[in-house]
Structures are given as structure tokens and as C-alpha cells.
Amino acid sequence: MEIKSSEMPLQADGSVYHLNLKPEEIADTIILVGDQGRVPIVSAKFNAVETVKQNREMLTHTGNYKGKRISVLSTGMGTDNLDIVVNELDALVNIDLKKRKPKTTHKSLKLIRLGTCGGLQPEMEVNSFLASEYALGMDGLLHYYLHDEGLSDKEIVHTFMAKAAWNNNFPKPYAVRASESLLEKIAFDMHKGITLTASGFYAPQCRVLRLPLGMPDFAHRLAGVQVKNLSFANMEMETSALYALSRLLGHQALAICVVINNRPNKIFSENYHPAMEQLIETVLERL
């Protein structure tokens, strides 16, 4: 069945609408970063850059690193942006854009998010690396897609809702695991944990400026809580959408963050950029 333009708009040149990319302009391995300023930091380590494309905050560089073709793409912040990015990356490889029909053969992408986060456990050192073995979405995005209930880990969700005293007026949480193969290949020697993905930066992450919280600070209730031998280790704004959509669409996904803020100890990194440089270099080598 043809996918109508109202469902999948394209640019005049046939590129996907938001990313402004054509199929030949991306690699099968893609590093995702939130900040477009981080894209040239990654691609500066490539041996060559063949493609530079941008639309809004989505900047893409595709090139070669030690014989391997890799793309780096900025997503902007939030699960809403990841909804766009993951769906359009999938469309580039699994939909014939000219015929507007799904392809008969499926291609699986490797999607590796490199970002920053706030640590939720007192022992989490700033400037350390944390790989998200699971992402727990507090954003509700997954529930807009038809999915098997088994996609979400019930034990993690139940533990989180009970320990956090979750308000039922909030979206129902969901928990999705990272790609096992990417965890083993890239994050084998890194800290691992359950990442909470929030729908915003302030109140959704228990920050108070002038507006009081609609639900009492739930993050402090998670200190010391373990499930599946993992802690609720950090909080950010993208990983649940990346993991959920990647699982639904048949892609491999992994998120690794530099911890720049220890929330319980109220410590913020004075300079996390060297740690981010080290993380980028480590991931490129292991890819």
C-alpha cells in the first residue's frame, strides 16, 4: 500500500522531511548526539567526510573512520525529536521513497546515542561513563504505537512505580532494554544502569525554580533501589524513545552518557568536555 504524503512528507528533492537526507547519505552505523555542536567534534576524528546536510537542529556528517563508514547526527532534545529521527532513519533504509512503499527486505541500523545526564545515586561520579542497560520512559511515547506488552519489562516498571510513589495521572512508565550485542561490544567495561527518560528538564526531572512540583520529588526515593541487579542510575530526555522505537522497527540501539551532574550530592562537573572527547574516541574505536 502506498504511503501518502500526508503520512510521510518529503522534501522537493525526495529527501526525508525533517532530516533532509537521502538513503545514500547515511551509513548503517549512526552516532546520535543531542547538540549539533557536537557533530563536528565527532566527525573531526573521521579520516574523511563525504556528506554534510542540515535542516533545523538536525545536522548530519557521514564519513569514514579507519575504513568503516559512519554517520553522526544531531537530534536536538527530547523524545519528540527522537520520534522524528528514528522514524525517518528507518524510512531511509526500509521504505522505497520513490514508490512510497515498504521494502520487502529489512535493514537493521546501529544507533548509538552519546549524551550527558544527571546521576541519581550518590556514588555516581561526575565525568564517568554510564551505559543505559534499560531505559524507563516517563514520557508515554511508546503507548502511541501498537506494541506487544512484552516489550516493556514489567518488573522494572512495577518496582519504579512502587518506590517512586508514581502518580497515576502521569503517563504510564515503560522499560525497554538496549541492544545486547552493542552492550557487549561497546560498553563491556562501563557502568550500567536503568536510565529514566523525562519529558522535560525542570519539573519532570524534579527541579524547582519558581513553580512547585505537581508530584513530590520522586527521584530521591530511588536511592539504593535495585532491580535486576541494576540501580535507577541517571536521568535524561531521549533514551526511552530511542530504545522503544528501535525495538519496534528492528534496529540496534545503545545510549552512553557522561554523568555531568550528581543530583543527590549536588555536584556539577566543572568541565565535562574532556570526558566527552574520551567517550567519543572509545566508541569510535569499538565500533
C-alpha atoms as a PDB file:
ATOM      1  CA  MET A   1       0.000   0.000   0.000  1.00  0.00           C
ATOM      2  CA  GLU A   2       1.306   3.444  -0.923  1.00  0.00           C
ATOM      3  CA  ILE A   3       2.229   5.710   1.985  1.00  0.00           C
ATOM      4  CA  LYS A   4       0.524   9.052   1.349  1.00  0.00           C
ATOM      5  CA  SER A   5       2.352  12.372   1.530  1.00  0.00           C
ATOM      6  CA  SER A   6       0.193  13.396   4.485  1.00  0.00           C
ATOM      7  CA  GLU A   7       1.762  10.491   6.436  1.00  0.00           C
ATOM      8  CA  MET A   8       5.302  10.741   5.053  1.00  0.00           C
ATOM      9  CA  PRO A   9       6.072  14.180   3.643  1.00  0.00           C
ATOM     10  CA  LEU A  10       9.259  14.548   1.622  1.00  0.00           C
ATOM     11  CA  GLN A  11      11.375  17.496   0.559  1.00  0.00           C
ATOM     12  CA  ALA A  12      11.179  18.635  -3.077  1.00  0.00           C
ATOM     13  CA  ASP A  13      14.385  16.718  -3.876  1.00  0.00           C
ATOM     14  CA  GLY A  14      12.962  13.475  -2.452  1.00  0.00           C
ATOM     15  CA  SER A  15      14.814  13.604   0.870  1.00  0.00           C
ATOM     16  CA  VAL A  16      13.027  12.831   4.132  1.00  0.00           C
ATOM     17  CA  TYR A  17      11.234  15.845   5.516  1.00  0.00           C
ATOM     18  CA  HIS A  18      12.993  16.747   8.755  1.00  0.00           C
ATOM     19  CA  LEU A  19      16.442  15.196   8.378  1.00  0.00           C
ATOM     20  CA  ASN A  20      16.818  16.437   4.776  1.00  0.00           C
ATOM     21  CA  LEU A  21      18.636  13.225   3.881  1.00  0.00           C
ATOM     22  CA  LYS A  22      18.553  10.715   1.029  1.00  0.00           C
ATOM     23  CA  PRO A  23      19.226   6.992   1.537  1.00  0.00           C
ATOM     24  CA  GLU A  24      22.731   7.097   0.130  1.00  0.00           C
ATOM     25  CA  GLU A  25      23.738   9.864   2.552  1.00  0.00           C
ATOM     26  CA  ILE A  26      23.672   7.797   5.747  1.00  0.00           C
ATOM     27  CA  ALA A  27      25.740   4.870   6.965  1.00  0.00           C
ATOM     28  CA  ASP A  28      24.377   1.737   8.632  1.00  0.00           C
ATOM     29  CA  THR A  29      26.106   2.806  11.862  1.00  0.00           C
ATOM     30  CA  ILE A  30      24.931   6.159  13.207  1.00  0.00           C
ATOM     31  CA  ILE A  31      26.096   8.085  16.258  1.00  0.00           C
ATOM     32  CA  LEU A  32      23.327  10.271  17.688  1.00  0.00           C
ATOM     33  CA  VAL A  33      24.112  13.397  19.697  1.00  0.00           C
ATOM     34  CA  GLY A  34      21.726  15.988  21.075  1.00  0.00           C
ATOM     35  CA  ASP A  35      23.805  19.094  20.405  1.00  0.00           C
ATOM     36  CA  GLN A  36      24.556  19.955  16.789  1.00  0.00           C
ATOM     37  CA  GLY A  37      27.810  21.498  18.004  1.00  0.00           C
ATOM     38  CA  ARG A  38      28.978  18.010  18.958  1.00  0.00           C
ATOM     39  CA  VAL A  39      28.632  16.701  15.382  1.00  0.00           C
ATOM     40  CA  PRO A  40      31.859  18.310  14.044  1.00  0.00           C
ATOM     41  CA  ILE A  41      33.668  17.199  17.213  1.00  0.00           C
ATOM     42  CA  VAL A  42      32.867  13.592  16.261  1.00  0.00           C
ATOM     43  CA  SER A  43      33.452  13.963  12.524  1.00  0.00           C
ATOM     44  CA  ALA A  44      36.799  15.705  13.112  1.00  0.00           C
ATOM     45  CA  LYS A  45      38.048  12.251  14.065  1.00  0.00           C
ATOM     46  CA  PHE A  46      36.943  10.748  10.732  1.00  0.00           C
ATOM     47  CA  ASN A  47      39.527  10.079   8.053  1.00  0.00           C
ATOM     48  CA  ALA A  48      37.206  11.759   5.542  1.00  0.00           C
ATOM     49  CA  VAL A  49      33.753  13.392   5.478  1.00  0.00           C
ATOM     50  CA  GLU A  50      31.629  12.798   2.378  1.00  0.00           C
ATOM     51  CA  THR A  51      28.254  14.291   3.339  1.00  0.00           C
ATOM     52  CA  VAL A  52      27.237  17.384   5.308  1.00  0.00           C
ATOM     53  CA  LYS A  53      23.490  18.063   5.490  1.00  0.00           C
ATOM     54  CA  GLN A  54      21.378  20.129   7.874  1.00  0.00           C
ATOM     55  CA  ASN A  55      17.760  21.065   8.500  1.00  0.00           C
ATOM     56  CA  ARG A  56      16.842  22.946  11.674  1.00  0.00           C
ATOM     57  CA  GLU A  57      18.769  21.377  14.591  1.00  0.00           C
ATOM     58  CA  MET A  58      19.348  18.110  12.712  1.00  0.00           C
ATOM     59  CA  LEU A  59      22.904  18.194  11.336  1.00  0.00           C
ATOM     60  CA  THR A  60      24.410  15.092   9.711  1.00  0.00           C
ATOM     61  CA  HIS A  61      28.004  14.298   8.788  1.00  0.00           C
ATOM     62  CA  THR A  62      28.738  10.986   7.062  1.00  0.00           C
ATOM     63  CA  GLY A  63      32.284   9.814   6.558  1.00  0.00           C
ATOM     64  CA  ASN A  64      34.897   7.162   7.096  1.00  0.00           C
ATOM     65  CA  TYR A  65      36.700   6.175  10.287  1.00  0.00           C
ATOM     66  CA  LYS A  66      39.546   3.679   9.829  1.00  0.00           C
ATOM     67  CA  GLY A  67      37.787   2.017   6.923  1.00  0.00           C
ATOM     68  CA  LYS A  68      34.293   1.976   8.469  1.00  0.00           C
ATOM     69  CA  ARG A  69      31.527   4.211   7.131  1.00  0.00           C
ATOM     70  CA  ILE A  70      29.822   6.082   9.985  1.00  0.00           C
ATOM     71  CA  SER A  71      27.282   8.892  10.264  1.00  0.00           C
ATOM     72  CA  VAL A  72      26.899  11.319  13.156  1.00  0.00           C
ATOM     73  CA  LEU A  73      23.577  13.132  13.504  1.00  0.00           C
ATOM     74  CA  SER A  74      22.262  15.698  15.990  1.00  0.00           C
ATOM     75  CA  THR A  75      18.746  15.034  17.238  1.00  0.00           C
ATOM     76  CA  GLY A  76      18.041  18.033  19.418  1.00  0.00           C
ATOM     77  CA  MET A  77      16.483  17.413  22.828  1.00  0.00           C
ATOM     78  CA  GLY A  78      13.520  15.317  23.859  1.00  0.00           C
ATOM     79  CA  THR A  79      11.637  12.150  22.978  1.00  0.00           C
ATOM     80  CA  ASP A  80       9.525  14.089  20.463  1.00  0.00           C
ATOM     81  CA  ASN A  81      12.650  14.755  18.409  1.00  0.00           C
ATOM     82  CA  LEU A  82      13.746  11.120  18.719  1.00  0.00           C
ATOM     83  CA  ASP A  83      10.330  10.091  17.387  1.00  0.00           C
ATOM     84  CA  ILE A  84      11.113  12.053  14.227  1.00  0.00           C
ATOM     85  CA  VAL A  85      14.738  10.972  13.932  1.00  0.00           C
ATOM     86  CA  VAL A  86      14.295   7.221  14.405  1.00  0.00           C
ATOM     87  CA  ASN A  87      11.239   7.008  12.134  1.00  0.00           C
ATOM     88  CA  GLU A  88      12.932   8.969   9.349  1.00  0.00           C
ATOM     89  CA  LEU A  89      16.172   6.995   9.616  1.00  0.00           C
ATOM     90  CA  ASP A  90      14.113   3.819   9.313  1.00  0.00           C
ATOM     91  CA  ALA A  91      12.277   5.254   6.326  1.00  0.00           C
ATOM     92  CA  LEU A  92      15.597   5.927   4.599  1.00  0.00           C
ATOM     93  CA  VAL A  93      16.574   2.265   4.697  1.00  0.00           C
ATOM     94  CA  ASN A  94      13.273   0.358   4.829  1.00  0.00           C
ATOM     95  CA  ILE A  95      10.904   2.367   2.615  1.00  0.00           C
ATOM     96  CA  ASP A  96      11.254   2.941  -1.116  1.00  0.00           C
ATOM     97  CA  LEU A  97      10.811   6.716  -1.045  1.00  0.00           C
ATOM     98  CA  LYS A  98      10.072   6.984  -4.773  1.00  0.00           C
ATOM     99  CA  LYS A  99       7.400   4.275  -4.780  1.00  0.00           C
ATOM    100  CA  ARG A 100       6.294   5.205  -1.243  1.00  0.00           C
ATOM    101  CA  LYS A 101       6.132   1.555  -0.239  1.00  0.00           C
ATOM    102  CA  PRO A 102       7.920  -0.518   2.421  1.00  0.00           C
ATOM    103  CA  LYS A 103      10.777  -2.596   1.019  1.00  0.00           C
ATOM    104  CA  THR A 104      10.487  -6.373   1.009  1.00  0.00           C
ATOM    105  CA  THR A 105      13.862  -6.796   2.727  1.00  0.00           C
ATOM    106  CA  HIS A 106      14.614  -5.235   6.110  1.00  0.00           C
ATOM    107  CA  LYS A 107      17.819  -3.398   7.027  1.00  0.00           C
ATOM    108  CA  SER A 108      18.854  -3.006  10.663  1.00  0.00           C
ATOM    109  CA  LEU A 109      20.745   0.113  11.705  1.00  0.00           C
ATOM    110  CA  LYS A 110      23.115   0.515  14.641  1.00  0.00           C
ATOM    111  CA  LEU A 111      22.109   3.648  16.583  1.00  0.00           C
ATOM    112  CA  ILE A 112      24.432   4.793  19.365  1.00  0.00           C
ATOM    113  CA  ARG A 113      23.466   7.822  21.418  1.00  0.00           C
ATOM    114  CA  LEU A 114      26.256   9.768  23.127  1.00  0.00           C
ATOM    115  CA  GLY A 115      24.932  12.341  25.560  1.00  0.00           C
ATOM    116  CA  THR A 116      25.021  13.809  29.034  1.00  0.00           C
ATOM    117  CA  CYS A 117      22.913  13.049  32.069  1.00  0.00           C
ATOM    118  CA  GLY A 118      22.347  13.615  35.760  1.00  0.00           C
ATOM    119  CA  GLY A 119      23.334  10.816  38.135  1.00  0.00           C
ATOM    120  CA  LEU A 120      20.689   9.715  40.678  1.00  0.00           C
ATOM    121  CA  GLN A 121      22.824   7.606  43.004  1.00  0.00           C
ATOM    122  CA  PRO A 122      25.246   9.197  45.497  1.00  0.00           C
ATOM    123  CA  GLU A 123      28.161   7.010  44.376  1.00  0.00           C
ATOM    124  CA  MET A 124      27.874   8.069  40.707  1.00  0.00           C
ATOM    125  CA  GLU A 125      30.986  10.133  39.989  1.00  0.00           C
ATOM    126  CA  VAL A 126      30.754  13.142  37.663  1.00  0.00           C
ATOM    127  CA  ASN A 127      32.582  12.736  34.332  1.00  0.00           C
ATOM    128  CA  SER A 128      32.143   8.936  34.476  1.00  0.00           C
ATOM    129  CA  PHE A 129      30.514   6.932  31.664  1.00  0.00           C
ATOM    130  CA  LEU A 130      27.143   5.261  32.125  1.00  0.00           C
ATOM    131  CA  ALA A 131      25.622   2.843  29.618  1.00  0.00           C
ATOM    132  CA  SER A 132      21.842   2.502  29.725  1.00  0.00           C
ATOM    133  CA  GLU A 133      21.117  -1.221  30.001  1.00  0.00           C
ATOM    134  CA  TYR A 134      17.435  -0.301  30.230  1.00  0.00           C
ATOM    135  CA  ALA A 135      15.574   2.924  29.590  1.00  0.00           C
ATOM    136  CA  LEU A 136      12.494   3.662  31.657  1.00  0.00           C
ATOM    137  CA  GLY A 137      10.259   6.088  29.796  1.00  0.00           C
ATOM    138  CA  MET A 138       8.235   8.568  31.829  1.00  0.00           C
ATOM    139  CA  ASP A 139       7.172  10.276  28.582  1.00  0.00           C
ATOM    140  CA  GLY A 140       4.404   7.983  27.330  1.00  0.00           C
ATOM    141  CA  LEU A 141       5.636   7.869  23.703  1.00  0.00           C
ATOM    142  CA  LEU A 142       5.599   4.082  23.361  1.00  0.00           C
ATOM    143  CA  HIS A 143       1.886   3.907  24.129  1.00  0.00           C
ATOM    144  CA  TYR A 144       1.038   5.802  20.940  1.00  0.00           C
ATOM    145  CA  TYR A 145       2.341   2.803  18.951  1.00  0.00           C
ATOM    146  CA  LEU A 146       0.721  -0.623  18.780  1.00  0.00           C
ATOM    147  CA  HIS A 147       3.104  -2.954  20.600  1.00  0.00           C
ATOM    148  CA  ASP A 148       3.324  -6.281  22.358  1.00  0.00           C
ATOM    149  CA  GLU A 149       3.021  -5.840  26.112  1.00  0.00           C
ATOM    150  CA  GLY A 150       6.122  -7.994  26.483  1.00  0.00           C
ATOM    151  CA  LEU A 151       8.274  -5.225  25.004  1.00  0.00           C
ATOM    152  CA  SER A 152       8.226  -3.397  28.335  1.00  0.00           C
ATOM    153  CA  ASP A 153       9.880  -5.029  31.336  1.00  0.00           C
ATOM    154  CA  LYS A 154       7.103  -5.354  33.935  1.00  0.00           C
ATOM    155  CA  GLU A 155       9.423  -5.961  36.898  1.00  0.00           C
ATOM    156  CA  ILE A 156      11.310  -2.711  36.339  1.00  0.00           C
ATOM    157  CA  VAL A 157       8.121  -0.721  35.770  1.00  0.00           C
ATOM    158  CA  HIS A 158       6.417  -2.168  38.864  1.00  0.00           C
ATOM    159  CA  THR A 159       9.452  -1.506  41.058  1.00  0.00           C
ATOM    160  CA  PHE A 160       9.797   2.056  39.796  1.00  0.00           C
ATOM    161  CA  MET A 161       6.113   2.914  40.252  1.00  0.00           C
ATOM    162  CA  ALA A 162       6.047   1.442  43.770  1.00  0.00           C
ATOM    163  CA  LYS A 163       9.277   3.009  45.014  1.00  0.00           C
ATOM    164  CA  ALA A 164       8.669   6.392  43.365  1.00  0.00           C
ATOM    165  CA  ALA A 165       5.023   6.530  44.535  1.00  0.00           C
ATOM    166  CA  TRP A 166       4.096   7.253  40.931  1.00  0.00           C
ATOM    167  CA  ASN A 167       1.038   9.408  40.372  1.00  0.00           C
ATOM    168  CA  ASN A 168      -1.483   7.674  38.114  1.00  0.00           C
ATOM    169  CA  ASN A 169      -2.318  11.000  36.467  1.00  0.00           C
ATOM    170  CA  PHE A 170       1.157  10.845  34.891  1.00  0.00           C
ATOM    171  CA  PRO A 171       1.908   8.728  31.785  1.00  0.00           C
ATOM    172  CA  LYS A 172       2.334   5.027  32.457  1.00  0.00           C
ATOM    173  CA  PRO A 173       6.067   4.234  32.503  1.00  0.00           C
ATOM    174  CA  TYR A 174       7.616   1.634  30.206  1.00  0.00           C
ATOM    175  CA  ALA A 175      11.041  -0.030  30.288  1.00  0.00           C
ATOM    176  CA  VAL A 176      12.955  -1.274  27.233  1.00  0.00           C
ATOM    177  CA  ARG A 177      16.377  -2.931  27.077  1.00  0.00           C
ATOM    178  CA  ALA A 178      19.328  -1.833  24.977  1.00  0.00           C
ATOM    179  CA  SER A 179      20.768  -3.967  22.199  1.00  0.00           C
ATOM    180  CA  GLU A 180      22.542  -6.852  23.917  1.00  0.00           C
ATOM    181  CA  SER A 181      25.189  -7.063  21.192  1.00  0.00           C
ATOM    182  CA  LEU A 182      26.031  -3.349  21.383  1.00  0.00           C
ATOM    183  CA  LEU A 183      26.223  -3.529  25.173  1.00  0.00           C
ATOM    184  CA  GLU A 184      28.745  -6.347  24.908  1.00  0.00           C
ATOM    185  CA  LYS A 185      30.746  -4.775  22.083  1.00  0.00           C
ATOM    186  CA  ILE A 186      30.943  -1.172  23.275  1.00  0.00           C
ATOM    187  CA  ALA A 187      30.013  -0.908  26.953  1.00  0.00           C
ATOM    188  CA  PHE A 188      31.553  -4.083  28.387  1.00  0.00           C
ATOM    189  CA  ASP A 189      33.723  -2.188  30.892  1.00  0.00           C
ATOM    190  CA  MET A 190      31.394   0.742  31.661  1.00  0.00           C
ATOM    191  CA  HIS A 191      28.954   1.390  34.495  1.00  0.00           C
ATOM    192  CA  LYS A 192      25.477   0.152  33.587  1.00  0.00           C
ATOM    193  CA  GLY A 193      22.089   1.057  34.961  1.00  0.00           C
ATOM    194  CA  ILE A 194      18.465   1.922  34.320  1.00  0.00           C
ATOM    195  CA  THR A 195      18.057   5.356  32.756  1.00  0.00           C
ATOM    196  CA  LEU A 196      14.962   7.423  33.487  1.00  0.00           C
ATOM    197  CA  THR A 197      13.820   9.409  30.464  1.00  0.00           C
ATOM    198  CA  ALA A 198      11.815  12.522  31.347  1.00  0.00           C
ATOM    199  CA  SER A 199       9.535  14.629  29.171  1.00  0.00           C
ATOM    200  CA  GLY A 200      11.235  17.868  30.227  1.00  0.00           C
ATOM    201  CA  PHE A 201      14.212  19.341  32.077  1.00  0.00           C
ATOM    202  CA  TYR A 202      12.706  21.096  35.088  1.00  0.00           C
ATOM    203  CA  ALA A 203       9.663  19.684  36.917  1.00  0.00           C
ATOM    204  CA  PRO A 204       9.769  16.324  35.055  1.00  0.00           C
ATOM    205  CA  GLN A 205      13.269  15.921  36.493  1.00  0.00           C
ATOM    206  CA  CYS A 206      12.274  17.214  39.943  1.00  0.00           C
ATOM    207  CA  ARG A 207      13.886  20.635  39.518  1.00  0.00           C
ATOM    208  CA  VAL A 208      12.227  23.624  41.167  1.00  0.00           C
ATOM    209  CA  LEU A 209      12.659  27.238  40.073  1.00  0.00           C
ATOM    210  CA  ARG A 210       9.512  29.346  40.640  1.00  0.00           C
ATOM    211  CA  LEU A 211       6.889  26.644  40.065  1.00  0.00           C
ATOM    212  CA  PRO A 212       6.234  23.926  42.654  1.00  0.00           C
ATOM    213  CA  LEU A 213       6.249  20.276  41.635  1.00  0.00           C
ATOM    214  CA  GLY A 214       2.989  18.578  40.719  1.00  0.00           C
ATOM    215  CA  MET A 215       4.297  15.414  42.346  1.00  0.00           C
ATOM    216  CA  PRO A 216       6.714  15.419  45.301  1.00  0.00           C
ATOM    217  CA  ASP A 217      10.350  14.760  44.402  1.00  0.00           C
ATOM    218  CA  PHE A 218      10.322  11.091  43.380  1.00  0.00           C
ATOM    219  CA  ALA A 219      13.995  10.848  42.407  1.00  0.00           C
ATOM    220  CA  HIS A 220      15.287  10.762  45.988  1.00  0.00           C
ATOM    221  CA  ARG A 221      13.073   7.753  46.718  1.00  0.00           C
ATOM    222  CA  LEU A 222      15.078   5.697  44.242  1.00  0.00           C
ATOM    223  CA  ALA A 223      18.373   5.969  46.113  1.00  0.00           C
ATOM    224  CA  GLY A 224      19.702   2.482  46.780  1.00  0.00           C
ATOM    225  CA  VAL A 225      16.848   0.744  44.932  1.00  0.00           C
ATOM    226  CA  GLN A 226      17.961  -2.280  42.865  1.00  0.00           C
ATOM    227  CA  VAL A 227      16.079  -4.334  40.300  1.00  0.00           C
ATOM    228  CA  LYS A 228      17.715  -6.946  38.037  1.00  0.00           C
ATOM    229  CA  ASN A 229      20.964  -6.064  39.856  1.00  0.00           C
ATOM    230  CA  LEU A 230      20.777  -2.550  38.401  1.00  0.00           C
ATOM    231  CA  SER A 231      20.080   0.801  40.018  1.00  0.00           C
ATOM    232  CA  PHE A 232      17.934   3.637  38.704  1.00  0.00           C
ATOM    233  CA  ALA A 233      21.173   5.334  37.815  1.00  0.00           C
ATOM    234  CA  ASN A 234      20.526   8.501  35.844  1.00  0.00           C
ATOM    235  CA  MET A 235      18.000  10.795  34.199  1.00  0.00           C
ATOM    236  CA  GLU A 236      17.888  12.427  30.752  1.00  0.00           C
ATOM    237  CA  MET A 237      15.406  13.161  27.950  1.00  0.00           C
ATOM    238  CA  GLU A 238      15.891  10.851  24.930  1.00  0.00           C
ATOM    239  CA  THR A 239      16.829   7.221  25.542  1.00  0.00           C
ATOM    240  CA  SER A 240      13.413   5.630  26.114  1.00  0.00           C
ATOM    241  CA  ALA A 241      12.198   6.755  22.683  1.00  0.00           C
ATOM    242  CA  LEU A 242      15.410   5.528  21.064  1.00  0.00           C
ATOM    243  CA  TYR A 243      15.140   2.086  22.647  1.00  0.00           C
ATOM    244  CA  ALA A 244      11.402   1.630  22.183  1.00  0.00           C
ATOM    245  CA  LEU A 245      11.257   2.679  18.536  1.00  0.00           C
ATOM    246  CA  SER A 246      14.429   0.788  17.680  1.00  0.00           C
ATOM    247  CA  ARG A 247      12.957  -2.408  19.123  1.00  0.00           C
ATOM    248  CA  LEU A 248       9.675  -1.899  17.254  1.00  0.00           C
ATOM    249  CA  LEU A 249      11.423  -1.128  13.961  1.00  0.00           C
ATOM    250  CA  GLY A 250      14.126  -3.780  14.220  1.00  0.00           C
ATOM    251  CA  HIS A 251      17.226  -1.667  14.867  1.00  0.00           C
ATOM    252  CA  GLN A 252      20.009  -1.996  17.446  1.00  0.00           C
ATOM    253  CA  ALA A 253      20.309   0.853  19.943  1.00  0.00           C
ATOM    254  CA  LEU A 254      22.574   1.829  22.800  1.00  0.00           C
ATOM    255  CA  ALA A 255      22.910   5.029  24.823  1.00  0.00           C
ATOM    256  CA  ILE A 256      26.008   6.037  26.781  1.00  0.00           C
ATOM    257  CA  CYS A 257      26.154   9.262  28.745  1.00  0.00           C
ATOM    258  CA  VAL A 258      28.771  11.265  30.552  1.00  0.00           C
ATOM    259  CA  VAL A 259      27.468  11.942  34.055  1.00  0.00           C
ATOM    260  CA  ILE A 260      27.810  15.714  34.408  1.00  0.00           C
ATOM    261  CA  ASN A 261      25.638  16.190  37.486  1.00  0.00           C
ATOM    262  CA  ASN A 262      25.402  14.175  40.704  1.00  0.00           C
ATOM    263  CA  ARG A 263      21.910  15.111  41.866  1.00  0.00           C
ATOM    264  CA  PRO A 264      21.990  13.651  45.425  1.00  0.00           C
ATOM    265  CA  ASN A 265      25.338  15.294  46.235  1.00  0.00           C
ATOM    266  CA  LYS A 266      24.503  18.457  44.258  1.00  0.00           C
ATOM    267  CA  ILE A 267      27.796  18.323  42.312  1.00  0.00           C
ATOM    268  CA  PHE A 268      28.004  19.622  38.738  1.00  0.00           C
ATOM    269  CA  SER A 269      31.024  18.890  36.531  1.00  0.00           C
ATOM    270  CA  GLU A 270      33.326  21.864  36.182  1.00  0.00           C
ATOM    271  CA  ASN A 271      34.394  20.675  32.712  1.00  0.00           C
ATOM    272  CA  TYR A 272      32.948  17.525  31.147  1.00  0.00           C
ATOM    273  CA  HIS A 273      34.301  18.143  27.639  1.00  0.00           C
ATOM    274  CA  PRO A 274      37.500  16.049  28.050  1.00  0.00           C
ATOM    275  CA  ALA A 275      35.359  13.130  29.258  1.00  0.00           C
ATOM    276  CA  MET A 276      33.070  13.512  26.231  1.00  0.00           C
ATOM    277  CA  GLU A 277      36.099  13.528  23.915  1.00  0.00           C
ATOM    278  CA  GLN A 278      37.312  10.330  25.549  1.00  0.00           C
ATOM    279  CA  LEU A 279      33.882   8.716  25.214  1.00  0.00           C
ATOM    280  CA  ILE A 280      33.693   9.607  21.516  1.00  0.00           C
ATOM    281  CA  GLU A 281      37.134   8.156  20.851  1.00  0.00           C
ATOM    282  CA  THR A 282      36.364   4.990  22.818  1.00  0.00           C
ATOM    283  CA  VAL A 283      33.092   4.350  20.968  1.00  0.00           C
ATOM    284  CA  LEU A 284      34.614   5.016  17.534  1.00  0.00           C
ATOM    285  CA  GLU A 285      37.398   2.528  18.236  1.00  0.00           C
ATOM    286  CA  ARG A 286      34.981  -0.141  19.427  1.00  0.00           C
ATOM    287  CA  LEU A 287      32.595   0.246  16.503  1.00  0.00           C
END
